[in-house]
């Protein structure tokens, strides 16, 4: 059975993940409600998402849904259980800029998760030799009138001090 997920969402009462998918064999669009059981405001969202993705009854439906997407849906459910509204939860997800975060302060599990996300982004943006727009030795000229950032290394000093 070939199934392609079209949309994902959450339902708060009872806590569930809603999946709208298309069955490629019959070309029908269907809706599946996947209950999230044994989940509280203290639950680990990444573990719950992984458990749901590999569940026997739901794995064929969730093949085309990324683990990161399932984890975000679980985070929204957890925020709701903590008493946050949907808008507050979504705003908190948008606010967290990964470039402003200090990776030295993260736990090992969270750091490995962030590294996996960075590796995935790198692989998506990477140019391969087989790509049609691949250029072997790309040289870029920057305009002379562009703004240059100054650096203490750029200051002229004599090498006699070393």
C-alpha atoms as a PDB file:
ATOM      1  CA  UNK A   1       0.000   0.000   0.000  1.00  0.00           C
ATOM      2  CA  UNK A   2       1.565   3.295  -1.057  1.00  0.00           C
ATOM      3  CA  UNK A   3       0.554   6.146   1.235  1.00  0.00           C
ATOM      4  CA  UNK A   4       1.640   9.796   1.032  1.00  0.00           C
ATOM      5  CA  UNK A   5       0.968  12.167   3.916  1.00  0.00           C
ATOM      6  CA  UNK A   6      -0.638  15.444   2.842  1.00  0.00           C
ATOM      7  CA  UNK A   7      -1.159  17.267   6.148  1.00  0.00           C
ATOM      8  CA  UNK A   8      -0.531  16.729   9.848  1.00  0.00           C
ATOM      9  CA  UNK A   9      -2.144  18.314  12.860  1.00  0.00           C
ATOM     10  CA  UNK A  10      -3.050  17.838  16.494  1.00  0.00           C
ATOM     11  CA  UNK A  11      -6.280  17.368  18.374  1.00  0.00           C
ATOM     12  CA  UNK A  12      -6.184  18.332  22.033  1.00  0.00           C
ATOM     13  CA  UNK A  13      -9.164  16.409  23.426  1.00  0.00           C
ATOM     14  CA  UNK A  14      -8.399  13.525  23.382  1.00  0.00           C
ATOM     15  CA  UNK A  15      -4.675  14.060  22.626  1.00  0.00           C
ATOM     16  CA  UNK A  16      -4.264  12.810  19.061  1.00  0.00           C
ATOM     17  CA  UNK A  17      -2.322  13.370  15.901  1.00  0.00           C
ATOM     18  CA  UNK A  18      -4.434  13.909  12.801  1.00  0.00           C
ATOM     19  CA  UNK A  19      -3.009  12.705   9.502  1.00  0.00           C
ATOM     20  CA  UNK A  20      -4.567  13.459   6.138  1.00  0.00           C
ATOM     21  CA  UNK A  21      -3.071  11.133   3.559  1.00  0.00           C
ATOM     22  CA  UNK A  22      -3.560   9.935   0.008  1.00  0.00           C
ATOM     23  CA  UNK A  23      -3.634   6.294  -0.929  1.00  0.00           C
ATOM     24  CA  UNK A  24      -1.791   6.212  -4.268  1.00  0.00           C
ATOM     25  CA  UNK A  25      -3.379   2.896  -5.295  1.00  0.00           C
ATOM     26  CA  UNK A  26      -6.942   4.180  -5.058  1.00  0.00           C
ATOM     27  CA  UNK A  27      -6.221   7.944  -5.336  1.00  0.00           C
ATOM     28  CA  UNK A  28      -8.455   8.556  -2.324  1.00  0.00           C
ATOM     29  CA  UNK A  29      -7.709  11.119   0.356  1.00  0.00           C
ATOM     30  CA  UNK A  30      -8.416   9.908   3.867  1.00  0.00           C
ATOM     31  CA  UNK A  31      -8.094  11.099   7.454  1.00  0.00           C
ATOM     32  CA  UNK A  32      -6.534   9.064  10.241  1.00  0.00           C
ATOM     33  CA  UNK A  33      -6.749   9.956  13.925  1.00  0.00           C
ATOM     34  CA  UNK A  34      -3.794   8.518  15.836  1.00  0.00           C
ATOM     35  CA  UNK A  35      -4.299   8.637  19.619  1.00  0.00           C
ATOM     36  CA  UNK A  36      -1.312   9.681  21.719  1.00  0.00           C
ATOM     37  CA  UNK A  37      -1.414   7.472  24.787  1.00  0.00           C
ATOM     38  CA  UNK A  38       0.609   7.610  28.008  1.00  0.00           C
ATOM     39  CA  UNK A  39       1.721  11.187  27.291  1.00  0.00           C
ATOM     40  CA  UNK A  40       1.945  13.865  29.969  1.00  0.00           C
ATOM     41  CA  UNK A  41       3.407  17.332  30.372  1.00  0.00           C
ATOM     42  CA  UNK A  42       6.647  15.719  31.575  1.00  0.00           C
ATOM     43  CA  UNK A  43       7.050  13.299  28.657  1.00  0.00           C
ATOM     44  CA  UNK A  44      10.044  13.311  26.321  1.00  0.00           C
ATOM     45  CA  UNK A  45       8.678  14.485  22.966  1.00  0.00           C
ATOM     46  CA  UNK A  46      11.467  13.010  20.857  1.00  0.00           C
ATOM     47  CA  UNK A  47      11.043   9.570  22.391  1.00  0.00           C
ATOM     48  CA  UNK A  48       7.252   9.728  22.053  1.00  0.00           C
ATOM     49  CA  UNK A  49       7.548  10.766  18.386  1.00  0.00           C
ATOM     50  CA  UNK A  50       9.991   7.961  17.659  1.00  0.00           C
ATOM     51  CA  UNK A  51       7.771   5.433  19.428  1.00  0.00           C
ATOM     52  CA  UNK A  52       4.752   6.570  17.416  1.00  0.00           C
ATOM     53  CA  UNK A  53       6.625   6.515  14.102  1.00  0.00           C
ATOM     54  CA  UNK A  54       7.736   2.906  14.671  1.00  0.00           C
ATOM     55  CA  UNK A  55       4.407   1.699  16.079  1.00  0.00           C
ATOM     56  CA  UNK A  56       3.128  -1.397  14.287  1.00  0.00           C
ATOM     57  CA  UNK A  57      -0.323   0.012  13.477  1.00  0.00           C
ATOM     58  CA  UNK A  58       0.803   3.494  12.383  1.00  0.00           C
ATOM     59  CA  UNK A  59       4.225   3.050  10.769  1.00  0.00           C
ATOM     60  CA  UNK A  60       2.934   2.634   7.199  1.00  0.00           C
ATOM     61  CA  UNK A  61       0.934   5.851   7.509  1.00  0.00           C
ATOM     62  CA  UNK A  62       3.802   7.843   9.055  1.00  0.00           C
ATOM     63  CA  UNK A  63       6.573   6.775   6.648  1.00  0.00           C
ATOM     64  CA  UNK A  64       6.447  10.032   4.702  1.00  0.00           C
ATOM     65  CA  UNK A  65       6.212  12.196   7.859  1.00  0.00           C
ATOM     66  CA  UNK A  66       9.578  13.270   9.230  1.00  0.00           C
ATOM     67  CA  UNK A  67      10.520  12.539  12.807  1.00  0.00           C
ATOM     68  CA  UNK A  68      11.112  16.272  13.374  1.00  0.00           C
ATOM     69  CA  UNK A  69       7.518  17.030  12.314  1.00  0.00           C
ATOM     70  CA  UNK A  70       6.142  14.419  14.713  1.00  0.00           C
ATOM     71  CA  UNK A  71       8.328  15.826  17.472  1.00  0.00           C
ATOM     72  CA  UNK A  72       6.972  19.359  16.842  1.00  0.00           C
ATOM     73  CA  UNK A  73       3.405  18.033  17.039  1.00  0.00           C
ATOM     74  CA  UNK A  74       4.201  16.321  20.331  1.00  0.00           C
ATOM     75  CA  UNK A  75       5.735  19.574  21.632  1.00  0.00           C
ATOM     76  CA  UNK A  76       2.480  21.388  20.849  1.00  0.00           C
ATOM     77  CA  UNK A  77       0.514  18.684  22.692  1.00  0.00           C
ATOM     78  CA  UNK A  78       2.866  18.910  25.677  1.00  0.00           C
ATOM     79  CA  UNK A  79       2.550  22.710  25.770  1.00  0.00           C
ATOM     80  CA  UNK A  80      -1.240  22.337  25.786  1.00  0.00           C
ATOM     81  CA  UNK A  81      -1.010  19.936  28.730  1.00  0.00           C
ATOM     82  CA  UNK A  82       1.120  22.550  30.517  1.00  0.00           C
ATOM     83  CA  UNK A  83      -1.666  25.099  30.031  1.00  0.00           C
ATOM     84  CA  UNK A  84      -0.357  27.092  27.057  1.00  0.00           C
ATOM     85  CA  UNK A  85      -2.671  28.040  24.221  1.00  0.00           C
ATOM     86  CA  UNK A  86      -1.986  27.008  20.640  1.00  0.00           C
ATOM     87  CA  UNK A  87      -0.921  30.550  19.706  1.00  0.00           C
ATOM     88  CA  UNK A  88       1.526  30.764  22.629  1.00  0.00           C
ATOM     89  CA  UNK A  89       3.005  27.394  21.764  1.00  0.00           C
ATOM     90  CA  UNK A  90       3.466  28.269  18.074  1.00  0.00           C
ATOM     91  CA  UNK A  91       4.951  31.662  18.990  1.00  0.00           C
ATOM     92  CA  UNK A  92       7.460  29.956  21.290  1.00  0.00           C
ATOM     93  CA  UNK A  93       8.498  27.634  18.446  1.00  0.00           C
ATOM     94  CA  UNK A  94       8.993  30.581  16.072  1.00  0.00           C
ATOM     95  CA  UNK A  95      10.878  32.632  18.632  1.00  0.00           C
ATOM     96  CA  UNK A  96      13.598  30.084  19.291  1.00  0.00           C
ATOM     97  CA  UNK A  97      16.304  30.996  16.791  1.00  0.00           C
ATOM     98  CA  UNK A  98      18.864  28.169  16.584  1.00  0.00           C
ATOM     99  CA  UNK A  99      21.623  30.656  15.682  1.00  0.00           C
ATOM    100  CA  UNK A 100      21.235  32.512  18.993  1.00  0.00           C
ATOM    101  CA  UNK A 101      21.423  29.394  21.122  1.00  0.00           C
ATOM    102  CA  UNK A 102      24.487  28.412  23.143  1.00  0.00           C
ATOM    103  CA  UNK A 103      25.153  24.776  22.216  1.00  0.00           C
ATOM    104  CA  UNK A 104      27.593  24.375  25.125  1.00  0.00           C
ATOM    105  CA  UNK A 105      24.699  24.528  27.582  1.00  0.00           C
ATOM    106  CA  UNK A 106      22.675  21.695  25.999  1.00  0.00           C
ATOM    107  CA  UNK A 107      22.489  18.125  27.246  1.00  0.00           C
ATOM    108  CA  UNK A 108      24.191  15.415  25.199  1.00  0.00           C
ATOM    109  CA  UNK A 109      20.910  14.115  23.776  1.00  0.00           C
ATOM    110  CA  UNK A 110      19.734  17.587  22.768  1.00  0.00           C
ATOM    111  CA  UNK A 111      23.154  18.404  21.292  1.00  0.00           C
ATOM    112  CA  UNK A 112      23.128  15.223  19.200  1.00  0.00           C
ATOM    113  CA  UNK A 113      19.616  16.089  17.990  1.00  0.00           C
ATOM    114  CA  UNK A 114      20.733  19.595  16.946  1.00  0.00           C
ATOM    115  CA  UNK A 115      23.795  18.179  15.183  1.00  0.00           C
ATOM    116  CA  UNK A 116      21.579  15.733  13.289  1.00  0.00           C
ATOM    117  CA  UNK A 117      19.362  18.642  12.202  1.00  0.00           C
ATOM    118  CA  UNK A 118      22.424  20.595  11.031  1.00  0.00           C
ATOM    119  CA  UNK A 119      23.729  17.569   9.117  1.00  0.00           C
ATOM    120  CA  UNK A 120      20.348  17.129   7.432  1.00  0.00           C
ATOM    121  CA  UNK A 121      20.288  20.809   6.426  1.00  0.00           C
ATOM    122  CA  UNK A 122      23.852  20.558   5.127  1.00  0.00           C
ATOM    123  CA  UNK A 123      23.044  17.504   3.004  1.00  0.00           C
ATOM    124  CA  UNK A 124      19.979  19.218   1.560  1.00  0.00           C
ATOM    125  CA  UNK A 125      21.963  22.299   0.534  1.00  0.00           C
ATOM    126  CA  UNK A 126      25.095  20.477  -0.592  1.00  0.00           C
ATOM    127  CA  UNK A 127      26.049  20.494  -4.268  1.00  0.00           C
ATOM    128  CA  UNK A 128      27.105  17.128  -5.678  1.00  0.00           C
ATOM    129  CA  UNK A 129      29.261  16.520  -8.727  1.00  0.00           C
ATOM    130  CA  UNK A 130      26.244  15.012 -10.487  1.00  0.00           C
ATOM    131  CA  UNK A 131      24.113  18.154 -10.023  1.00  0.00           C
ATOM    132  CA  UNK A 132      23.504  20.078 -13.266  1.00  0.00           C
ATOM    133  CA  UNK A 133      24.465  23.430 -11.700  1.00  0.00           C
ATOM    134  CA  UNK A 134      27.662  22.112 -10.066  1.00  0.00           C
ATOM    135  CA  UNK A 135      30.787  24.234 -10.651  1.00  0.00           C
ATOM    136  CA  UNK A 136      34.130  22.734  -9.638  1.00  0.00           C
ATOM    137  CA  UNK A 137      36.223  25.782  -8.802  1.00  0.00           C
ATOM    138  CA  UNK A 138      33.730  28.538  -8.082  1.00  0.00           C
ATOM    139  CA  UNK A 139      35.215  31.981  -7.626  1.00  0.00           C
ATOM    140  CA  UNK A 140      33.088  34.878  -6.418  1.00  0.00           C
ATOM    141  CA  UNK A 141      34.012  38.552  -6.745  1.00  0.00           C
ATOM    142  CA  UNK A 142      32.636  40.775  -4.037  1.00  0.00           C
ATOM    143  CA  UNK A 143      31.798  44.362  -4.972  1.00  0.00           C
ATOM    144  CA  UNK A 144      34.245  47.039  -3.838  1.00  0.00           C
ATOM    145  CA  UNK A 145      31.505  49.210  -2.352  1.00  0.00           C
ATOM    146  CA  UNK A 146      30.190  46.465  -0.057  1.00  0.00           C
ATOM    147  CA  UNK A 147      30.347  47.066   3.674  1.00  0.00           C
ATOM    148  CA  UNK A 148      33.299  45.368   5.320  1.00  0.00           C
ATOM    149  CA  UNK A 149      33.327  44.349   8.921  1.00  0.00           C
ATOM    150  CA  UNK A 150      36.410  45.403  10.808  1.00  0.00           C
ATOM    151  CA  UNK A 151      38.375  43.001  12.906  1.00  0.00           C
ATOM    152  CA  UNK A 152      41.202  43.459  15.360  1.00  0.00           C
ATOM    153  CA  UNK A 153      43.339  41.189  13.184  1.00  0.00           C
ATOM    154  CA  UNK A 154      43.020  43.636  10.321  1.00  0.00           C
ATOM    155  CA  UNK A 155      44.826  46.360  12.231  1.00  0.00           C
ATOM    156  CA  UNK A 156      48.317  46.886  10.950  1.00  0.00           C
ATOM    157  CA  UNK A 157      50.914  45.783  13.428  1.00  0.00           C
ATOM    158  CA  UNK A 158      54.504  44.991  12.983  1.00  0.00           C
ATOM    159  CA  UNK A 159      55.592  41.384  13.109  1.00  0.00           C
ATOM    160  CA  UNK A 160      58.505  42.308  15.350  1.00  0.00           C
ATOM    161  CA  UNK A 161      56.411  41.654  18.456  1.00  0.00           C
ATOM    162  CA  UNK A 162      56.262  37.989  17.646  1.00  0.00           C
END
